[in-house]
Amino acid sequence: MLRRGAANLDLGVACLALVVVVASVAWGVLTRYVVSQPAVWTTELSSIAFAWVVFFGAAAAMRRGMHIAIPIFVDMLPATARKAATLLSLALVIGFLGYTFYLAGLLSAQSFNRPSPVLRISFAYVYAGIAAALFLMLVHAILQLFAVWRSTDGTIAYPPQEAEEAG
């Protein structure tokens, strides 16, 4: 149970952030049009939570192999060339994610004393969530690289999600 929860951490955080976005926007609409005294904090909170939805959702999509790919040419290659092409593409993805994770961590550290305009929370928390999601994507990409390295034909076998979610 704990292992499955840890494996779905990215999806759990994305879902929780989506609930915050929906609740915040609904409260903003309610206070603006029903009570006639708008809650000014709802826009800022929904913007922060939306950024977390995007990045943690991208991490969940990376884990499940759901990012867009057009493998028509790679699929036509012989097994060794297909494996080399897949390893190269994953190495490029890992390089990009590693660098963006570094930049997000740097931005988070530099933003610690910068509060948000309305909620007055440190922007370090906003950027730390993005850095955490980038780190999860980096881990998923590294695990995929090892899976391709161990494979014979250069394909990544993603586990079936329906069986994982049903049990």
N, C-alpha and C. Protein backbone atom coordinates (compact mmCIF):
# COMPACT_ATOMS: atom_id res chain seq x y z
N MET A 1 0.82 -1.20 0.00
CA MET A 1 0.00 0.00 0.00
C MET A 1 0.87 1.26 0.00
N LEU A 2 1.87 1.29 0.89
CA LEU A 2 2.76 2.45 0.96
C LEU A 2 3.58 2.58 -0.32
N ARG A 3 3.99 1.43 -0.87
CA ARG A 3 4.78 1.45 -2.10
C ARG A 3 3.96 2.01 -3.26
N ARG A 4 2.69 1.60 -3.35
CA ARG A 4 1.83 2.11 -4.41
C ARG A 4 1.55 3.59 -4.23
N GLY A 5 1.41 4.02 -2.97
CA GLY A 5 1.21 5.44 -2.70
C GLY A 5 2.41 6.27 -3.09
N ALA A 6 3.60 5.76 -2.80
CA ALA A 6 4.82 6.47 -3.18
C ALA A 6 4.96 6.50 -4.70
N ALA A 7 4.56 5.42 -5.36
CA ALA A 7 4.65 5.38 -6.82
C ALA A 7 3.68 6.37 -7.46
N ASN A 8 2.59 6.67 -6.80
CA ASN A 8 1.59 7.60 -7.34
C ASN A 8 1.65 8.97 -6.68
N LEU A 9 2.80 9.30 -6.09
CA LEU A 9 2.95 10.60 -5.42
C LEU A 9 2.69 11.75 -6.38
N ASP A 10 3.23 11.67 -7.58
CA ASP A 10 3.04 12.73 -8.55
C ASP A 10 1.57 12.93 -8.90
N LEU A 11 0.88 11.84 -9.09
CA LEU A 11 -0.54 11.91 -9.42
C LEU A 11 -1.36 12.44 -8.23
N GLY A 12 -1.01 12.02 -7.03
CA GLY A 12 -1.71 12.49 -5.83
C GLY A 12 -1.55 13.99 -5.62
N VAL A 13 -0.33 14.49 -5.79
CA VAL A 13 -0.10 15.93 -5.63
C VAL A 13 -0.83 16.70 -6.72
N ALA A 14 -0.80 16.19 -7.95
CA ALA A 14 -1.51 16.87 -9.04
C ALA A 14 -3.01 16.91 -8.78
N CYS A 15 -3.57 15.82 -8.28
CA CYS A 15 -5.01 15.79 -7.99
C CYS A 15 -5.36 16.75 -6.86
N LEU A 16 -4.55 16.77 -5.81
CA LEU A 16 -4.79 17.68 -4.70
C LEU A 16 -4.70 19.14 -5.16
N ALA A 17 -3.72 19.44 -5.99
CA ALA A 17 -3.58 20.80 -6.50
C ALA A 17 -4.77 21.17 -7.39
N LEU A 18 -5.28 20.19 -8.16
CA LEU A 18 -6.45 20.46 -8.99
C LEU A 18 -7.68 20.76 -8.13
N VAL A 19 -7.82 20.05 -7.02
CA VAL A 19 -8.92 20.33 -6.09
C VAL A 19 -8.80 21.76 -5.54
N VAL A 20 -7.56 22.16 -5.23
CA VAL A 20 -7.34 23.52 -4.73
C VAL A 20 -7.70 24.55 -5.81
N VAL A 21 -7.33 24.28 -7.06
CA VAL A 21 -7.67 25.21 -8.15
C VAL A 21 -9.18 25.35 -8.27
N VAL A 22 -9.88 24.22 -8.33
CA VAL A 22 -11.34 24.27 -8.52
C VAL A 22 -12.02 24.93 -7.34
N ALA A 23 -11.62 24.57 -6.12
CA ALA A 23 -12.24 25.16 -4.93
C ALA A 23 -11.95 26.65 -4.84
N SER A 24 -10.74 27.04 -5.16
CA SER A 24 -10.36 28.46 -5.10
C SER A 24 -11.14 29.29 -6.12
N VAL A 25 -11.23 28.79 -7.34
CA VAL A 25 -11.97 29.51 -8.37
C VAL A 25 -13.46 29.57 -8.02
N ALA A 26 -14.00 28.46 -7.52
CA ALA A 26 -15.42 28.45 -7.13
C ALA A 26 -15.68 29.44 -6.00
N TRP A 27 -14.78 29.47 -5.02
CA TRP A 27 -14.95 30.43 -3.92
C TRP A 27 -14.84 31.87 -4.44
N GLY A 28 -13.94 32.10 -5.37
CA GLY A 28 -13.80 33.44 -5.95
C GLY A 28 -15.06 33.87 -6.67
N VAL A 29 -15.65 32.97 -7.43
CA VAL A 29 -16.89 33.28 -8.15
C VAL A 29 -18.03 33.52 -7.15
N LEU A 30 -18.10 32.67 -6.14
CA LEU A 30 -19.15 32.81 -5.13
C LEU A 30 -19.05 34.15 -4.42
N THR A 31 -17.86 34.51 -3.99
CA THR A 31 -17.72 35.77 -3.25
C THR A 31 -17.89 36.99 -4.16
N ARG A 32 -17.56 36.86 -5.41
CA ARG A 32 -17.69 38.00 -6.32
C ARG A 32 -19.15 38.26 -6.69
N TYR A 33 -19.90 37.20 -7.00
CA TYR A 33 -21.25 37.40 -7.55
C TYR A 33 -22.38 37.17 -6.55
N VAL A 34 -22.13 36.44 -5.48
CA VAL A 34 -23.19 36.18 -4.51
C VAL A 34 -23.07 37.13 -3.33
N VAL A 35 -21.87 37.23 -2.78
CA VAL A 35 -21.66 38.05 -1.59
C VAL A 35 -21.31 39.49 -1.95
N SER A 36 -20.91 39.74 -3.18
CA SER A 36 -20.51 41.06 -3.68
C SER A 36 -19.28 41.62 -2.97
N GLN A 37 -18.49 40.76 -2.38
CA GLN A 37 -17.22 41.17 -1.77
C GLN A 37 -16.17 40.13 -2.18
N PRO A 38 -15.50 40.38 -3.32
CA PRO A 38 -14.60 39.35 -3.86
C PRO A 38 -13.43 39.03 -2.94
N ALA A 39 -13.09 37.74 -2.89
CA ALA A 39 -11.91 37.28 -2.17
C ALA A 39 -10.72 37.45 -3.11
N VAL A 40 -9.83 38.36 -2.78
CA VAL A 40 -8.74 38.69 -3.69
C VAL A 40 -7.66 37.61 -3.73
N TRP A 41 -7.60 36.75 -2.74
CA TRP A 41 -6.56 35.74 -2.66
C TRP A 41 -6.80 34.55 -3.58
N THR A 42 -8.02 34.39 -4.07
CA THR A 42 -8.34 33.19 -4.84
C THR A 42 -7.58 33.12 -6.16
N THR A 43 -7.36 34.25 -6.81
CA THR A 43 -6.64 34.26 -8.08
C THR A 43 -5.20 33.81 -7.89
N GLU A 44 -4.56 34.32 -6.86
CA GLU A 44 -3.17 33.96 -6.61
C GLU A 44 -3.03 32.49 -6.22
N LEU A 45 -3.91 32.02 -5.35
CA LEU A 45 -3.84 30.61 -4.93
C LEU A 45 -4.11 29.68 -6.09
N SER A 46 -5.09 29.99 -6.92
CA SER A 46 -5.38 29.12 -8.06
C SER A 46 -4.25 29.13 -9.08
N SER A 47 -3.57 30.25 -9.24
CA SER A 47 -2.42 30.30 -10.16
C SER A 47 -1.27 29.43 -9.66
N ILE A 48 -0.99 29.50 -8.38
CA ILE A 48 0.08 28.69 -7.79
C ILE A 48 -0.27 27.21 -7.90
N ALA A 49 -1.49 26.86 -7.54
CA ALA A 49 -1.91 25.46 -7.58
C ALA A 49 -1.94 24.94 -9.02
N PHE A 50 -2.28 25.81 -9.97
CA PHE A 50 -2.31 25.39 -11.36
C PHE A 50 -0.92 25.03 -11.85
N ALA A 51 0.09 25.80 -11.44
CA ALA A 51 1.47 25.47 -11.81
C ALA A 51 1.85 24.09 -11.27
N TRP A 52 1.42 23.78 -10.06
CA TRP A 52 1.71 22.46 -9.48
C TRP A 52 0.96 21.37 -10.24
N VAL A 53 -0.30 21.64 -10.64
CA VAL A 53 -1.06 20.66 -11.44
C VAL A 53 -0.30 20.32 -12.72
N VAL A 54 0.17 21.35 -13.39
CA VAL A 54 0.85 21.15 -14.67
C VAL A 54 2.11 20.31 -14.49
N PHE A 55 2.96 20.69 -13.55
CA PHE A 55 4.24 20.00 -13.43
C PHE A 55 4.12 18.62 -12.81
N PHE A 56 3.30 18.44 -11.79
CA PHE A 56 3.13 17.10 -11.22
C PHE A 56 2.33 16.21 -12.17
N GLY A 57 1.41 16.79 -12.93
CA GLY A 57 0.72 16.02 -13.97
C GLY A 57 1.67 15.57 -15.05
N ALA A 58 2.63 16.43 -15.40
CA ALA A 58 3.64 16.05 -16.38
C ALA A 58 4.52 14.93 -15.85
N ALA A 59 4.81 14.95 -14.55
CA ALA A 59 5.59 13.86 -13.95
C ALA A 59 4.82 12.55 -13.99
N ALA A 60 3.53 12.60 -13.70
CA ALA A 60 2.71 11.39 -13.78
C ALA A 60 2.63 10.88 -15.21
N ALA A 61 2.52 11.79 -16.17
CA ALA A 61 2.50 11.39 -17.57
C ALA A 61 3.84 10.80 -18.00
N MET A 62 4.92 11.31 -17.48
CA MET A 62 6.26 10.76 -17.79
C MET A 62 6.37 9.33 -17.27
N ARG A 63 5.89 9.11 -16.06
CA ARG A 63 5.95 7.77 -15.46
C ARG A 63 5.14 6.77 -16.27
N ARG A 64 4.01 7.19 -16.78
CA ARG A 64 3.12 6.30 -17.51
C ARG A 64 3.41 6.23 -19.01
N GLY A 65 4.37 7.02 -19.48
CA GLY A 65 4.69 7.02 -20.90
C GLY A 65 3.62 7.66 -21.75
N MET A 66 3.00 8.72 -21.23
CA MET A 66 1.87 9.34 -21.92
C MET A 66 2.23 10.64 -22.64
N HIS A 67 3.50 11.03 -22.61
CA HIS A 67 3.88 12.23 -23.36
C HIS A 67 3.86 11.89 -24.85
N ILE A 68 3.60 12.90 -25.64
CA ILE A 68 3.44 12.69 -27.07
C ILE A 68 4.75 12.18 -27.69
N ALA A 69 4.60 11.24 -28.58
CA ALA A 69 5.74 10.70 -29.32
C ALA A 69 5.25 10.28 -30.69
N ILE A 70 6.11 10.43 -31.66
CA ILE A 70 5.80 10.00 -33.02
C ILE A 70 6.93 9.04 -33.43
N PRO A 71 6.80 7.77 -33.04
CA PRO A 71 7.90 6.82 -33.24
C PRO A 71 7.89 6.10 -34.58
N ILE A 72 7.24 6.65 -35.59
CA ILE A 72 7.07 5.92 -36.84
C ILE A 72 8.41 5.55 -37.48
N PHE A 73 9.38 6.48 -37.46
CA PHE A 73 10.67 6.19 -38.07
C PHE A 73 11.52 5.30 -37.17
N VAL A 74 11.46 5.54 -35.88
CA VAL A 74 12.23 4.72 -34.93
C VAL A 74 11.72 3.29 -34.95
N ASP A 75 10.43 3.10 -35.07
CA ASP A 75 9.87 1.74 -35.11
C ASP A 75 10.29 0.97 -36.36
N MET A 76 10.67 1.66 -37.42
CA MET A 76 11.09 0.99 -38.64
C MET A 76 12.56 0.56 -38.60
N LEU A 77 13.30 1.05 -37.61
CA LEU A 77 14.72 0.72 -37.50
C LEU A 77 14.92 -0.71 -37.00
N PRO A 78 16.06 -1.31 -37.31
CA PRO A 78 16.38 -2.61 -36.70
C PRO A 78 16.54 -2.45 -35.18
N ALA A 79 16.47 -3.56 -34.46
CA ALA A 79 16.44 -3.53 -33.00
C ALA A 79 17.61 -2.77 -32.39
N THR A 80 18.82 -2.98 -32.87
CA THR A 80 19.98 -2.30 -32.27
C THR A 80 19.95 -0.80 -32.53
N ALA A 81 19.57 -0.39 -33.73
CA ALA A 81 19.47 1.03 -34.05
C ALA A 81 18.32 1.67 -33.28
N ARG A 82 17.21 0.94 -33.14
CA ARG A 82 16.06 1.45 -32.37
C ARG A 82 16.47 1.66 -30.91
N LYS A 83 17.21 0.72 -30.37
CA LYS A 83 17.68 0.84 -28.99
C LYS A 83 18.61 2.04 -28.84
N ALA A 84 19.52 2.23 -29.79
CA ALA A 84 20.44 3.36 -29.74
C ALA A 84 19.69 4.68 -29.84
N ALA A 85 18.71 4.76 -30.73
CA ALA A 85 17.93 5.99 -30.90
C ALA A 85 17.13 6.30 -29.64
N THR A 86 16.54 5.28 -29.04
CA THR A 86 15.76 5.48 -27.82
C THR A 86 16.67 5.91 -26.67
N LEU A 87 17.84 5.29 -26.56
CA LEU A 87 18.78 5.67 -25.51
C LEU A 87 19.26 7.11 -25.70
N LEU A 88 19.51 7.50 -26.94
CA LEU A 88 19.93 8.87 -27.22
C LEU A 88 18.84 9.87 -26.85
N SER A 89 17.61 9.57 -27.23
CA SER A 89 16.53 10.50 -26.93
C SER A 89 16.31 10.60 -25.42
N LEU A 90 16.40 9.49 -24.71
CA LEU A 90 16.25 9.53 -23.26
C LEU A 90 17.42 10.27 -22.60
N ALA A 91 18.61 10.12 -23.14
CA ALA A 91 19.76 10.85 -22.60
C ALA A 91 19.57 12.36 -22.77
N LEU A 92 19.03 12.77 -23.91
CA LEU A 92 18.74 14.19 -24.13
C LEU A 92 17.67 14.69 -23.16
N VAL A 93 16.63 13.89 -22.95
CA VAL A 93 15.58 14.25 -22.01
C VAL A 93 16.14 14.36 -20.60
N ILE A 94 16.99 13.42 -20.21
CA ILE A 94 17.60 13.44 -18.88
C ILE A 94 18.48 14.69 -18.72
N GLY A 95 19.24 15.02 -19.75
CA GLY A 95 20.06 16.23 -19.69
C GLY A 95 19.21 17.48 -19.52
N PHE A 96 18.12 17.57 -20.29
CA PHE A 96 17.22 18.72 -20.19
C PHE A 96 16.58 18.79 -18.82
N LEU A 97 16.05 17.66 -18.33
CA LEU A 97 15.38 17.65 -17.03
C LEU A 97 16.36 17.94 -15.90
N GLY A 98 17.57 17.42 -16.01
CA GLY A 98 18.57 17.70 -14.98
C GLY A 98 18.90 19.18 -14.90
N TYR A 99 19.05 19.81 -16.06
CA TYR A 99 19.37 21.24 -16.08
C TYR A 99 18.19 22.08 -15.59
N THR A 100 16.98 21.75 -16.01
CA THR A 100 15.83 22.53 -15.56
C THR A 100 15.56 22.30 -14.07
N PHE A 101 15.83 21.09 -13.58
CA PHE A 101 15.72 20.84 -12.14
C PHE A 101 16.71 21.71 -11.38
N TYR A 102 17.93 21.79 -11.87
CA TYR A 102 18.94 22.65 -11.25
C TYR A 102 18.49 24.11 -11.24
N LEU A 103 17.98 24.59 -12.37
CA LEU A 103 17.53 25.98 -12.44
C LEU A 103 16.34 26.25 -11.53
N ALA A 104 15.40 25.30 -11.46
CA ALA A 104 14.24 25.48 -10.59
C ALA A 104 14.66 25.48 -9.12
N GLY A 105 15.61 24.62 -8.77
CA GLY A 105 16.12 24.63 -7.40
C GLY A 105 16.82 25.93 -7.07
N LEU A 106 17.59 26.44 -8.01
CA LEU A 106 18.28 27.71 -7.83
C LEU A 106 17.28 28.85 -7.68
N LEU A 107 16.26 28.85 -8.52
CA LEU A 107 15.22 29.88 -8.44
C LEU A 107 14.48 29.81 -7.12
N SER A 108 14.21 28.60 -6.66
CA SER A 108 13.53 28.42 -5.39
C SER A 108 14.37 28.97 -4.24
N ALA A 109 15.66 28.66 -4.24
CA ALA A 109 16.55 29.15 -3.18
C ALA A 109 16.67 30.67 -3.20
N GLN A 110 16.70 31.25 -4.39
CA GLN A 110 16.85 32.70 -4.51
C GLN A 110 15.55 33.44 -4.18
N SER A 111 14.43 32.75 -4.21
CA SER A 111 13.13 33.39 -3.99
C SER A 111 12.62 33.24 -2.58
N PHE A 112 13.46 32.76 -1.68
CA PHE A 112 12.98 32.49 -0.32
C PHE A 112 12.49 33.75 0.38
N ASN A 113 13.14 34.88 0.17
CA ASN A 113 12.75 36.12 0.85
C ASN A 113 11.79 36.97 0.02
N ARG A 114 11.24 36.40 -1.05
CA ARG A 114 10.30 37.14 -1.90
C ARG A 114 8.89 36.63 -1.65
N PRO A 115 8.06 37.38 -0.93
CA PRO A 115 6.70 36.91 -0.65
C PRO A 115 5.76 37.19 -1.82
N SER A 116 4.72 36.39 -1.90
CA SER A 116 3.71 36.62 -2.93
C SER A 116 2.92 37.88 -2.56
N PRO A 117 2.35 38.56 -3.54
CA PRO A 117 1.71 39.86 -3.27
C PRO A 117 0.52 39.81 -2.31
N VAL A 118 -0.33 38.80 -2.44
CA VAL A 118 -1.56 38.78 -1.65
C VAL A 118 -1.46 37.83 -0.46
N LEU A 119 -1.07 36.60 -0.70
CA LEU A 119 -1.02 35.60 0.37
C LEU A 119 0.20 35.76 1.27
N ARG A 120 1.22 36.46 0.79
CA ARG A 120 2.44 36.72 1.54
C ARG A 120 3.21 35.44 1.90
N ILE A 121 3.07 34.41 1.05
CA ILE A 121 3.87 33.20 1.25
C ILE A 121 5.11 33.32 0.36
N SER A 122 6.16 32.66 0.77
CA SER A 122 7.40 32.74 0.03
C SER A 122 7.26 32.05 -1.32
N PHE A 123 7.80 32.71 -2.35
CA PHE A 123 7.79 32.10 -3.68
C PHE A 123 8.67 30.85 -3.73
N ALA A 124 9.49 30.67 -2.72
CA ALA A 124 10.33 29.46 -2.66
C ALA A 124 9.46 28.21 -2.63
N TYR A 125 8.31 28.28 -1.98
CA TYR A 125 7.41 27.13 -1.93
C TYR A 125 6.78 26.83 -3.28
N VAL A 126 6.48 27.88 -4.01
CA VAL A 126 5.92 27.70 -5.35
C VAL A 126 6.94 27.01 -6.25
N TYR A 127 8.15 27.55 -6.26
CA TYR A 127 9.20 27.01 -7.13
C TYR A 127 9.73 25.67 -6.63
N ALA A 128 9.66 25.42 -5.34
CA ALA A 128 10.12 24.13 -4.81
C ALA A 128 9.22 22.99 -5.30
N GLY A 129 7.94 23.26 -5.43
CA GLY A 129 7.03 22.25 -5.98
C GLY A 129 7.36 21.93 -7.42
N ILE A 130 7.70 22.95 -8.18
CA ILE A 130 8.08 22.74 -9.57
C ILE A 130 9.38 21.96 -9.65
N ALA A 131 10.35 22.31 -8.78
CA ALA A 131 11.62 21.58 -8.73
C ALA A 131 11.39 20.11 -8.34
N ALA A 132 10.49 19.87 -7.40
CA ALA A 132 10.20 18.49 -6.99
C ALA A 132 9.58 17.70 -8.13
N ALA A 133 8.69 18.31 -8.87
CA ALA A 133 8.07 17.63 -10.01
C ALA A 133 9.11 17.35 -11.10
N LEU A 134 10.00 18.29 -11.34
CA LEU A 134 11.07 18.07 -12.31
C LEU A 134 11.99 16.95 -11.86
N PHE A 135 12.25 16.87 -10.56
CA PHE A 135 13.06 15.78 -10.03
C PHE A 135 12.38 14.43 -10.25
N LEU A 136 11.07 14.37 -10.02
CA LEU A 136 10.33 13.13 -10.26
C LEU A 136 10.39 12.74 -11.74
N MET A 137 10.26 13.72 -12.62
CA MET A 137 10.37 13.43 -14.06
C MET A 137 11.76 12.91 -14.39
N LEU A 138 12.77 13.49 -13.78
CA LEU A 138 14.15 13.05 -13.99
C LEU A 138 14.33 11.61 -13.53
N VAL A 139 13.79 11.26 -12.38
CA VAL A 139 13.87 9.88 -11.88
C VAL A 139 13.16 8.93 -12.83
N HIS A 140 11.97 9.31 -13.29
CA HIS A 140 11.23 8.45 -14.22
C HIS A 140 12.01 8.25 -15.52
N ALA A 141 12.63 9.31 -16.02
CA ALA A 141 13.40 9.20 -17.27
C ALA A 141 14.63 8.31 -17.08
N ILE A 142 15.28 8.41 -15.93
CA ILE A 142 16.43 7.55 -15.66
C ILE A 142 16.01 6.09 -15.56
N LEU A 143 14.88 5.84 -14.90
CA LEU A 143 14.37 4.47 -14.82
C LEU A 143 14.01 3.93 -16.20
N GLN A 144 13.45 4.79 -17.05
CA GLN A 144 13.15 4.37 -18.42
C GLN A 144 14.42 4.09 -19.21
N LEU A 145 15.47 4.88 -18.97
CA LEU A 145 16.75 4.65 -19.64
C LEU A 145 17.31 3.27 -19.25
N PHE A 146 17.24 2.92 -17.98
CA PHE A 146 17.71 1.61 -17.54
C PHE A 146 16.87 0.49 -18.14
N ALA A 147 15.56 0.72 -18.25
CA ALA A 147 14.69 -0.30 -18.84
C ALA A 147 15.03 -0.53 -20.31
N VAL A 148 15.31 0.54 -21.03
CA VAL A 148 15.68 0.40 -22.44
C VAL A 148 17.05 -0.27 -22.54
N TRP A 149 17.97 0.09 -21.68
CA TRP A 149 19.30 -0.50 -21.68
C TRP A 149 19.22 -2.02 -21.49
N ARG A 150 18.30 -2.47 -20.61
CA ARG A 150 18.15 -3.90 -20.36
C ARG A 150 17.34 -4.60 -21.44
N SER A 151 16.59 -3.86 -22.22
CA SER A 151 15.74 -4.49 -23.24
C SER A 151 16.57 -4.97 -24.42
N THR A 152 16.00 -5.85 -25.19
CA THR A 152 16.71 -6.37 -26.36
C THR A 152 16.40 -5.57 -27.62
N ASP A 153 15.22 -4.98 -27.68
CA ASP A 153 14.82 -4.30 -28.91
C ASP A 153 14.68 -2.78 -28.76
N GLY A 154 14.99 -2.25 -27.58
CA GLY A 154 14.96 -0.80 -27.41
C GLY A 154 13.61 -0.20 -27.12
N THR A 155 12.66 -1.01 -26.70
CA THR A 155 11.34 -0.48 -26.36
C THR A 155 11.20 -0.40 -24.84
N ILE A 156 10.33 0.48 -24.41
CA ILE A 156 10.03 0.63 -22.99
C ILE A 156 8.70 -0.06 -22.73
N ALA A 157 8.70 -0.99 -21.81
CA ALA A 157 7.45 -1.67 -21.46
C ALA A 157 6.87 -0.98 -20.23
N TYR A 158 5.81 -0.22 -20.44
CA TYR A 158 5.15 0.44 -19.33
C TYR A 158 4.16 -0.53 -18.71
N PRO A 159 4.05 -0.55 -17.38
CA PRO A 159 3.09 -1.46 -16.76
C PRO A 159 1.66 -1.03 -17.10
N PRO A 160 0.77 -1.99 -17.25
CA PRO A 160 -0.64 -1.61 -17.52
C PRO A 160 -1.22 -0.86 -16.34
N GLN A 161 -1.76 0.31 -16.59
CA GLN A 161 -2.25 1.16 -15.52
C GLN A 161 -3.58 0.69 -14.95
N GLU A 162 -4.41 0.05 -15.76
CA GLU A 162 -5.71 -0.38 -15.28
C GLU A 162 -5.56 -1.41 -14.19
N ALA A 163 -4.65 -2.35 -14.35
CA ALA A 163 -4.44 -3.38 -13.34
C ALA A 163 -3.88 -2.76 -12.07
N GLU A 164 -3.02 -1.77 -12.21
CA GLU A 164 -2.41 -1.11 -11.07
C GLU A 164 -3.44 -0.34 -10.28
N GLU A 165 -4.35 0.33 -10.97
CA GLU A 165 -5.34 1.18 -10.29
C GLU A 165 -6.49 0.36 -9.72
N ALA A 166 -6.81 -0.77 -10.33
CA ALA A 166 -7.93 -1.58 -9.85
C ALA A 166 -7.57 -2.32 -8.58
N GLY A 167 -6.32 -2.77 -8.45
CA GLY A 167 -5.92 -3.59 -7.30
C GLY A 167 -5.43 -2.78 -6.22
